[in-house]
Amino acid sequence: MFFQEATPDTSGYMIAGYVIAFILMALYVASLYVRNRNLNQDISMLEEMDKPAQPVIEVRQPKRNTAKPKSNKSAKPVTKRSRQK
């Protein structure tokens, strides 16, 4: 009568173990996806930096005269003349 004890129910531990394993695998797959995306961005940035620079054509606009007009100090001030009869 030594082995007549009931087998313990450990199905809860089994389910918890599978859940934890699934979560860890999902995190690993997500990490791989993010790493792959970052590597592709780095590769495209390096390829863009490796391209030779094309000459930039500058379009020059005429300069606007922002200086104040020079005053003619030798000119006499204009005054109204009174009518002479």
PDB file of N, CA and C in Angstrom:
ATOM      1  N   MET A   1       0.796  -1.175   0.000  1.00  0.00           N
ATOM      2  CA  MET A   1       0.000   0.000   0.000  1.00  0.00           C
ATOM      3  C   MET A   1       0.856   1.264   0.000  1.00  0.00           C
ATOM      4  N   PHE A   2       2.088   1.108  -0.288  1.00  0.00           N
ATOM      5  CA  PHE A   2       3.042   2.206  -0.291  1.00  0.00           C
ATOM      6  C   PHE A   2       2.830   3.144  -1.478  1.00  0.00           C
ATOM      7  N   PHE A   3       2.479   2.635  -2.656  1.00  0.00           N
ATOM      8  CA  PHE A   3       2.324   3.439  -3.859  1.00  0.00           C
ATOM      9  C   PHE A   3       0.873   3.762  -4.173  1.00  0.00           C
ATOM     10  N   GLN A   4       0.017   3.835  -3.251  1.00  0.00           N
ATOM     11  CA  GLN A   4      -1.381   4.093  -3.502  1.00  0.00           C
ATOM     12  C   GLN A   4      -1.737   5.565  -3.404  1.00  0.00           C
ATOM     13  N   GLU A   5      -0.763   6.447  -3.267  1.00  0.00           N
ATOM     14  CA  GLU A   5      -1.068   7.887  -3.245  1.00  0.00           C
ATOM     15  C   GLU A   5      -1.442   8.358  -4.642  1.00  0.00           C
ATOM     16  N   ALA A   6      -2.294   9.367  -4.738  1.00  0.00           N
ATOM     17  CA  ALA A   6      -2.731   9.885  -6.027  1.00  0.00           C
ATOM     18  C   ALA A   6      -1.607  10.695  -6.682  1.00  0.00           C
ATOM     19  N   THR A   7      -1.542  10.655  -8.002  1.00  0.00           N
ATOM     20  CA  THR A   7      -0.545  11.422  -8.760  1.00  0.00           C
ATOM     21  C   THR A   7      -0.894  12.901  -8.662  1.00  0.00           C
ATOM     22  N   PRO A   8       0.057  13.750  -8.304  1.00  0.00           N
ATOM     23  CA  PRO A   8      -0.257  15.177  -8.187  1.00  0.00           C
ATOM     24  C   PRO A   8      -0.595  15.793  -9.548  1.00  0.00           C
ATOM     25  N   ASP A   9      -1.523  16.734  -9.541  1.00  0.00           N
ATOM     26  CA  ASP A   9      -1.951  17.410 -10.774  1.00  0.00           C
ATOM     27  C   ASP A   9      -1.025  18.598 -11.036  1.00  0.00           C
ATOM     28  N   THR A  10      -0.149  18.493 -12.019  1.00  0.00           N
ATOM     29  CA  THR A  10       0.805  19.561 -12.346  1.00  0.00           C
ATOM     30  C   THR A  10       0.514  20.191 -13.706  1.00  0.00           C
ATOM     31  N   SER A  11      -0.719  20.036 -14.164  1.00  0.00           N
ATOM     32  CA  SER A  11      -1.056  20.591 -15.480  1.00  0.00           C
ATOM     33  C   SER A  11      -0.971  22.121 -15.484  1.00  0.00           C
ATOM     34  N   GLY A  12      -1.236  22.756 -14.364  1.00  0.00           N
ATOM     35  CA  GLY A  12      -1.116  24.227 -14.280  1.00  0.00           C
ATOM     36  C   GLY A  12       0.312  24.692 -14.517  1.00  0.00           C
ATOM     37  N   TYR A  13       1.275  23.940 -13.961  1.00  0.00           N
ATOM     38  CA  TYR A  13       2.678  24.277 -14.173  1.00  0.00           C
ATOM     39  C   TYR A  13       3.082  24.073 -15.633  1.00  0.00           C
ATOM     40  N   MET A  14       2.518  23.037 -16.254  1.00  0.00           N
ATOM     41  CA  MET A  14       2.820  22.787 -17.657  1.00  0.00           C
ATOM     42  C   MET A  14       2.306  23.932 -18.530  1.00  0.00           C
ATOM     43  N   ILE A  15       1.080  24.375 -18.283  1.00  0.00           N
ATOM     44  CA  ILE A  15       0.499  25.479 -19.062  1.00  0.00           C
ATOM     45  C   ILE A  15       1.291  26.760 -18.830  1.00  0.00           C
ATOM     46  N   ALA A  16       1.679  27.023 -17.569  1.00  0.00           N
ATOM     47  CA  ALA A  16       2.468  28.221 -17.280  1.00  0.00           C
ATOM     48  C   ALA A  16       3.814  28.172 -17.998  1.00  0.00           C
ATOM     49  N   GLY A  17       4.425  27.016 -18.051  1.00  0.00           N
ATOM     50  CA  GLY A  17       5.701  26.870 -18.752  1.00  0.00           C
ATOM     51  C   GLY A  17       5.568  27.129 -20.239  1.00  0.00           C
ATOM     52  N   TYR A  18       4.496  26.606 -20.865  1.00  0.00           N
ATOM     53  CA  TYR A  18       4.276  26.863 -22.283  1.00  0.00           C
ATOM     54  C   TYR A  18       3.998  28.341 -22.548  1.00  0.00           C
ATOM     55  N   VAL A  19       3.231  28.987 -21.682  1.00  0.00           N
ATOM     56  CA  VAL A  19       2.929  30.409 -21.854  1.00  0.00           C
ATOM     57  C   VAL A  19       4.218  31.232 -21.773  1.00  0.00           C
ATOM     58  N   ILE A  20       5.046  30.947 -20.789  1.00  0.00           N
ATOM     59  CA  ILE A  20       6.302  31.688 -20.643  1.00  0.00           C
ATOM     60  C   ILE A  20       7.211  31.449 -21.844  1.00  0.00           C
ATOM     61  N   ALA A  21       7.294  30.215 -22.299  1.00  0.00           N
ATOM     62  CA  ALA A  21       8.128  29.906 -23.469  1.00  0.00           C
ATOM     63  C   ALA A  21       7.611  30.633 -24.700  1.00  0.00           C
ATOM     64  N   PHE A  22       6.272  30.653 -24.886  1.00  0.00           N
ATOM     65  CA  PHE A  22       5.693  31.348 -26.040  1.00  0.00           C
ATOM     66  C   PHE A  22       5.986  32.845 -25.976  1.00  0.00           C
ATOM     67  N   ILE A  23       5.856  33.458 -24.805  1.00  0.00           N
ATOM     68  CA  ILE A  23       6.128  34.891 -24.652  1.00  0.00           C
ATOM     69  C   ILE A  23       7.592  35.194 -24.965  1.00  0.00           C
ATOM     70  N   LEU A  24       8.499  34.372 -24.474  1.00  0.00           N
ATOM     71  CA  LEU A  24       9.925  34.590 -24.743  1.00  0.00           C
ATOM     72  C   LEU A  24      10.235  34.460 -26.231  1.00  0.00           C
ATOM     73  N   MET A  25       9.626  33.478 -26.891  1.00  0.00           N
ATOM     74  CA  MET A  25       9.852  33.321 -28.337  1.00  0.00           C
ATOM     75  C   MET A  25       9.279  34.500 -29.117  1.00  0.00           C
ATOM     76  N   ALA A  26       8.112  34.992 -28.709  1.00  0.00           N
ATOM     77  CA  ALA A  26       7.515  36.144 -29.386  1.00  0.00           C
ATOM     78  C   ALA A  26       8.388  37.382 -29.212  1.00  0.00           C
ATOM     79  N   LEU A  27       8.931  37.596 -28.020  1.00  0.00           N
ATOM     80  CA  LEU A  27       9.838  38.726 -27.806  1.00  0.00           C
ATOM     81  C   LEU A  27      11.102  38.601 -28.654  1.00  0.00           C
ATOM     82  N   TYR A  28      11.616  37.396 -28.793  1.00  0.00           N
ATOM     83  CA  TYR A  28      12.806  37.172 -29.608  1.00  0.00           C
ATOM     84  C   TYR A  28      12.523  37.473 -31.080  1.00  0.00           C
ATOM     85  N   VAL A  29      11.372  37.030 -31.587  1.00  0.00           N
ATOM     86  CA  VAL A  29      11.008  37.290 -32.983  1.00  0.00           C
ATOM     87  C   VAL A  29      10.811  38.791 -33.202  1.00  0.00           C
ATOM     88  N   ALA A  30      10.185  39.477 -32.254  1.00  0.00           N
ATOM     89  CA  ALA A  30      10.004  40.922 -32.369  1.00  0.00           C
ATOM     90  C   ALA A  30      11.356  41.635 -32.357  1.00  0.00           C
ATOM     91  N   SER A  31      12.273  41.161 -31.528  1.00  0.00           N
ATOM     92  CA  SER A  31      13.607  41.746 -31.481  1.00  0.00           C
ATOM     93  C   SER A  31      14.326  41.559 -32.814  1.00  0.00           C
ATOM     94  N   LEU A  32      14.207  40.392 -33.410  1.00  0.00           N
ATOM     95  CA  LEU A  32      14.823  40.149 -34.719  1.00  0.00           C
ATOM     96  C   LEU A  32      14.236  41.068 -35.785  1.00  0.00           C
ATOM     97  N   TYR A  33      12.937  41.272 -35.741  1.00  0.00           N
ATOM     98  CA  TYR A  33      12.283  42.151 -36.714  1.00  0.00           C
ATOM     99  C   TYR A  33      12.797  43.585 -36.585  1.00  0.00           C
ATOM    100  N   VAL A  34      12.885  44.088 -35.353  1.00  0.00           N
ATOM    101  CA  VAL A  34      13.346  45.461 -35.131  1.00  0.00           C
ATOM    102  C   VAL A  34      14.810  45.610 -35.549  1.00  0.00           C
ATOM    103  N   ARG A  35      15.633  44.622 -35.232  1.00  0.00           N
ATOM    104  CA  ARG A  35      17.039  44.673 -35.631  1.00  0.00           C
ATOM    105  C   ARG A  35      17.179  44.677 -37.148  1.00  0.00           C
ATOM    106  N   ASN A  36      16.387  43.853 -37.834  1.00  0.00           N
ATOM    107  CA  ASN A  36      16.439  43.797 -39.293  1.00  0.00           C
ATOM    108  C   ASN A  36      16.023  45.137 -39.901  1.00  0.00           C
ATOM    109  N   ARG A  37      14.979  45.738 -39.365  1.00  0.00           N
ATOM    110  CA  ARG A  37      14.526  47.041 -39.871  1.00  0.00           C
ATOM    111  C   ARG A  37      15.602  48.105 -39.675  1.00  0.00           C
ATOM    112  N   ASN A  38      16.245  48.125 -38.498  1.00  0.00           N
ATOM    113  CA  ASN A  38      17.299  49.106 -38.243  1.00  0.00           C
ATOM    114  C   ASN A  38      18.508  48.880 -39.148  1.00  0.00           C
ATOM    115  N   LEU A  39      18.853  47.618 -39.393  1.00  0.00           N
ATOM    116  CA  LEU A  39      19.967  47.338 -40.296  1.00  0.00           C
ATOM    117  C   LEU A  39      19.667  47.804 -41.713  1.00  0.00           C
ATOM    118  N   ASN A  40      18.446  47.600 -42.184  1.00  0.00           N
ATOM    119  CA  ASN A  40      18.076  48.073 -43.522  1.00  0.00           C
ATOM    120  C   ASN A  40      18.134  49.588 -43.604  1.00  0.00           C
ATOM    121  N   GLN A  41      17.716  50.285 -42.557  1.00  0.00           N
ATOM    122  CA  GLN A  41      17.811  51.745 -42.546  1.00  0.00           C
ATOM    123  C   GLN A  41      19.265  52.188 -42.566  1.00  0.00           C
ATOM    124  N   ASP A  42      20.123  51.500 -41.808  1.00  0.00           N
ATOM    125  CA  ASP A  42      21.544  51.840 -41.799  1.00  0.00           C
ATOM    126  C   ASP A  42      22.182  51.605 -43.168  1.00  0.00           C
ATOM    127  N   ILE A  43      21.819  50.503 -43.808  1.00  0.00           N
ATOM    128  CA  ILE A  43      22.369  50.205 -45.133  1.00  0.00           C
ATOM    129  C   ILE A  43      21.959  51.278 -46.135  1.00  0.00           C
ATOM    130  N   SER A  44      20.695  51.671 -46.123  1.00  0.00           N
ATOM    131  CA  SER A  44      20.243  52.701 -47.076  1.00  0.00           C
ATOM    132  C   SER A  44      20.911  54.035 -46.792  1.00  0.00           C
ATOM    133  N   MET A  45      21.149  54.367 -45.514  1.00  0.00           N
ATOM    134  CA  MET A  45      21.830  55.610 -45.172  1.00  0.00           C
ATOM    135  C   MET A  45      23.279  55.580 -45.647  1.00  0.00           C
ATOM    136  N   LEU A  46      23.963  54.448 -45.448  1.00  0.00           N
ATOM    137  CA  LEU A  46      25.353  54.336 -45.897  1.00  0.00           C
ATOM    138  C   LEU A  46      25.445  54.391 -47.418  1.00  0.00           C
ATOM    139  N   GLU A  47      24.510  53.760 -48.129  1.00  0.00           N
ATOM    140  CA  GLU A  47      24.516  53.836 -49.589  1.00  0.00           C
ATOM    141  C   GLU A  47      24.282  55.255 -50.069  1.00  0.00           C
ATOM    142  N   GLU A  48      23.412  55.977 -49.373  1.00  0.00           N
ATOM    143  CA  GLU A  48      23.153  57.369 -49.749  1.00  0.00           C
ATOM    144  C   GLU A  48      24.380  58.238 -49.498  1.00  0.00           C
ATOM    145  N   MET A  49      25.089  57.964 -48.399  1.00  0.00           N
ATOM    146  CA  MET A  49      26.288  58.736 -48.088  1.00  0.00           C
ATOM    147  C   MET A  49      27.436  58.394 -49.032  1.00  0.00           C
ATOM    148  N   ASP A  50      27.428  57.186 -49.602  1.00  0.00           N
ATOM    149  CA  ASP A  50      28.501  56.748 -50.480  1.00  0.00           C
ATOM    150  C   ASP A  50      28.377  57.338 -51.882  1.00  0.00           C
ATOM    151  N   LYS A  51      27.201  57.762 -52.262  1.00  0.00           N
ATOM    152  CA  LYS A  51      27.003  58.338 -53.596  1.00  0.00           C
ATOM    153  C   LYS A  51      27.824  59.613 -53.718  1.00  0.00           C
ATOM    154  N   PRO A  52      28.418  59.848 -54.904  1.00  0.00           N
ATOM    155  CA  PRO A  52      29.160  61.098 -55.073  1.00  0.00           C
ATOM    156  C   PRO A  52      28.210  62.281 -55.075  1.00  0.00           C
ATOM    157  N   ALA A  53      28.686  63.347 -54.507  1.00  0.00           N
ATOM    158  CA  ALA A  53      27.844  64.539 -54.420  1.00  0.00           C
ATOM    159  C   ALA A  53      27.722  65.169 -55.797  1.00  0.00           C
ATOM    160  N   GLN A  54      26.519  65.495 -56.179  1.00  0.00           N
ATOM    161  CA  GLN A  54      26.300  66.160 -57.453  1.00  0.00           C
ATOM    162  C   GLN A  54      26.464  67.654 -57.246  1.00  0.00           C
ATOM    163  N   PRO A  55      27.027  68.346 -58.238  1.00  0.00           N
ATOM    164  CA  PRO A  55      27.218  69.792 -58.066  1.00  0.00           C
ATOM    165  C   PRO A  55      25.874  70.502 -57.932  1.00  0.00           C
ATOM    166  N   VAL A  56      25.853  71.428 -57.038  1.00  0.00           N
ATOM    167  CA  VAL A  56      24.634  72.182 -56.786  1.00  0.00           C
ATOM    168  C   VAL A  56      24.665  73.432 -57.645  1.00  0.00           C
ATOM    169  N   ILE A  57      23.624  73.625 -58.421  1.00  0.00           N
ATOM    170  CA  ILE A  57      23.528  74.812 -59.264  1.00  0.00           C
ATOM    171  C   ILE A  57      22.818  75.882 -58.469  1.00  0.00           C
ATOM    172  N   GLU A  58      23.534  76.972 -58.257  1.00  0.00           N
ATOM    173  CA  GLU A  58      22.955  78.062 -57.485  1.00  0.00           C
ATOM    174  C   GLU A  58      22.220  79.010 -58.414  1.00  0.00           C
ATOM    175  N   VAL A  59      21.054  79.373 -58.034  1.00  0.00           N
ATOM    176  CA  VAL A  59      20.276  80.352 -58.776  1.00  0.00           C
ATOM    177  C   VAL A  59      20.384  81.658 -58.006  1.00  0.00           C
ATOM    178  N   ARG A  60      21.075  82.594 -58.621  1.00  0.00           N
ATOM    179  CA  ARG A  60      21.265  83.874 -57.936  1.00  0.00           C
ATOM    180  C   ARG A  60      20.164  84.832 -58.334  1.00  0.00           C
ATOM    181  N   GLN A  61      19.597  85.434 -57.342  1.00  0.00           N
ATOM    182  CA  GLN A  61      18.576  86.429 -57.590  1.00  0.00           C
ATOM    183  C   GLN A  61      19.234  87.795 -57.511  1.00  0.00           C
ATOM    184  N   PRO A  62      18.715  88.736 -58.285  1.00  0.00           N
ATOM    185  CA  PRO A  62      19.340  90.068 -58.240  1.00  0.00           C
ATOM    186  C   PRO A  62      19.229  90.651 -56.830  1.00  0.00           C
ATOM    187  N   LYS A  63      20.297  91.322 -56.460  1.00  0.00           N
ATOM    188  CA  LYS A  63      20.307  91.922 -55.131  1.00  0.00           C
ATOM    189  C   LYS A  63      19.383  93.128 -55.107  1.00  0.00           C
ATOM    190  N   ARG A  64      18.684  93.235 -54.034  1.00  0.00           N
ATOM    191  CA  ARG A  64      17.787  94.383 -53.871  1.00  0.00           C
ATOM    192  C   ARG A  64      18.557  95.502 -53.203  1.00  0.00           C
ATOM    193  N   ASN A  65      18.277  96.701 -53.633  1.00  0.00           N
ATOM    194  CA  ASN A  65      18.966  97.858 -53.074  1.00  0.00           C
ATOM    195  C   ASN A  65      18.287  98.212 -51.756  1.00  0.00           C
ATOM    196  N   THR A  66      18.925  97.856 -50.675  1.00  0.00           N
ATOM    197  CA  THR A  66      18.353  98.128 -49.366  1.00  0.00           C
ATOM    198  C   THR A  66      18.983  99.359 -48.729  1.00  0.00           C
ATOM    199  N   ALA A  67      19.953  99.939 -49.415  1.00  0.00           N
ATOM    200  CA  ALA A  67      20.611 101.129 -48.864  1.00  0.00           C
ATOM    201  C   ALA A  67      19.685 102.331 -48.995  1.00  0.00           C
ATOM    202  N   LYS A  68      19.833 103.263 -48.082  1.00  0.00           N
ATOM    203  CA  LYS A  68      19.022 104.481 -48.142  1.00  0.00           C
ATOM    204  C   LYS A  68      19.526 105.345 -49.283  1.00  0.00           C
ATOM    205  N   PRO A  69      18.619 106.075 -49.953  1.00  0.00           N
ATOM    206  CA  PRO A  69      19.067 106.942 -51.044  1.00  0.00           C
ATOM    207  C   PRO A  69      19.941 108.062 -50.482  1.00  0.00           C
ATOM    208  N   LYS A  70      20.941 108.395 -51.283  1.00  0.00           N
ATOM    209  CA  LYS A  70      21.840 109.465 -50.854  1.00  0.00           C
ATOM    210  C   LYS A  70      21.117 110.805 -50.962  1.00  0.00           C
ATOM    211  N   SER A  71      21.300 111.605 -49.948  1.00  0.00           N
ATOM    212  CA  SER A  71      20.649 112.913 -49.983  1.00  0.00           C
ATOM    213  C   SER A  71      21.581 113.912 -50.661  1.00  0.00           C
ATOM    214  N   ASN A  72      20.977 114.801 -51.384  1.00  0.00           N
ATOM    215  CA  ASN A  72      21.737 115.841 -52.082  1.00  0.00           C
ATOM    216  C   ASN A  72      21.697 117.082 -51.205  1.00  0.00           C
ATOM    217  N   LYS A  73      22.730 117.277 -50.401  1.00  0.00           N
ATOM    218  CA  LYS A  73      22.741 118.387 -49.446  1.00  0.00           C
ATOM    219  C   LYS A  73      22.989 119.728 -50.126  1.00  0.00           C
ATOM    220  N   SER A  74      23.522 119.712 -51.330  1.00  0.00           N
ATOM    221  CA  SER A  74      23.799 120.978 -52.008  1.00  0.00           C
ATOM    222  C   SER A  74      22.540 121.574 -52.620  1.00  0.00           C
ATOM    223  N   ALA A  75      21.482 120.799 -52.738  1.00  0.00           N
ATOM    224  CA  ALA A  75      20.246 121.317 -53.333  1.00  0.00           C
ATOM    225  C   ALA A  75      19.538 122.220 -52.332  1.00  0.00           C
ATOM    226  N   LYS A  76      18.928 123.251 -52.872  1.00  0.00           N
ATOM    227  CA  LYS A  76      18.189 124.191 -52.025  1.00  0.00           C
ATOM    228  C   LYS A  76      16.814 123.623 -51.738  1.00  0.00           C
ATOM    229  N   PRO A  77      16.294 123.893 -50.552  1.00  0.00           N
ATOM    230  CA  PRO A  77      14.956 123.401 -50.239  1.00  0.00           C
ATOM    231  C   PRO A  77      13.908 124.083 -51.110  1.00  0.00           C
ATOM    232  N   VAL A  78      12.908 123.335 -51.468  1.00  0.00           N
ATOM    233  CA  VAL A  78      11.837 123.854 -52.306  1.00  0.00           C
ATOM    234  C   VAL A  78      10.846 124.582 -51.420  1.00  0.00           C
ATOM    235  N   THR A  79      10.560 125.825 -51.750  1.00  0.00           N
ATOM    236  CA  THR A  79       9.587 126.613 -50.996  1.00  0.00           C
ATOM    237  C   THR A  79       8.526 127.118 -51.959  1.00  0.00           C
ATOM    238  N   LYS A  80       7.363 127.397 -51.444  1.00  0.00           N
ATOM    239  CA  LYS A  80       6.286 127.917 -52.281  1.00  0.00           C
ATOM    240  C   LYS A  80       6.541 129.393 -52.502  1.00  0.00           C
ATOM    241  N   ARG A  81       6.322 129.797 -53.733  1.00  0.00           N
ATOM    242  CA  ARG A  81       6.480 131.213 -54.065  1.00  0.00           C
ATOM    243  C   ARG A  81       5.143 131.880 -53.941  1.00  0.00           C
ATOM    244  N   SER A  82       5.174 133.023 -53.390  1.00  0.00           N
ATOM    245  CA  SER A  82       3.937 133.778 -53.327  1.00  0.00           C
ATOM    246  C   SER A  82       3.713 134.472 -54.657  1.00  0.00           C
ATOM    247  N   ARG A  83       2.461 134.662 -54.990  1.00  0.00           N
ATOM    248  CA  ARG A  83       2.124 135.288 -56.267  1.00  0.00           C
ATOM    249  C   ARG A  83       2.436 136.768 -56.211  1.00  0.00           C
ATOM    250  N   GLN A  84       3.083 137.196 -57.203  1.00  0.00           N
ATOM    251  CA  GLN A  84       3.358 138.640 -57.299  1.00  0.00           C
ATOM    252  C   GLN A  84       2.417 139.241 -58.295  1.00  0.00           C
ATOM    253  N   LYS A  85       1.782 140.359 -57.911  1.00  0.00           N
ATOM    254  CA  LYS A  85       0.844 141.021 -58.816  1.00  0.00           C
ATOM    255  C   LYS A  85       1.447 142.172 -59.500  1.00  0.00           C
TER     256      LYS A  85
END
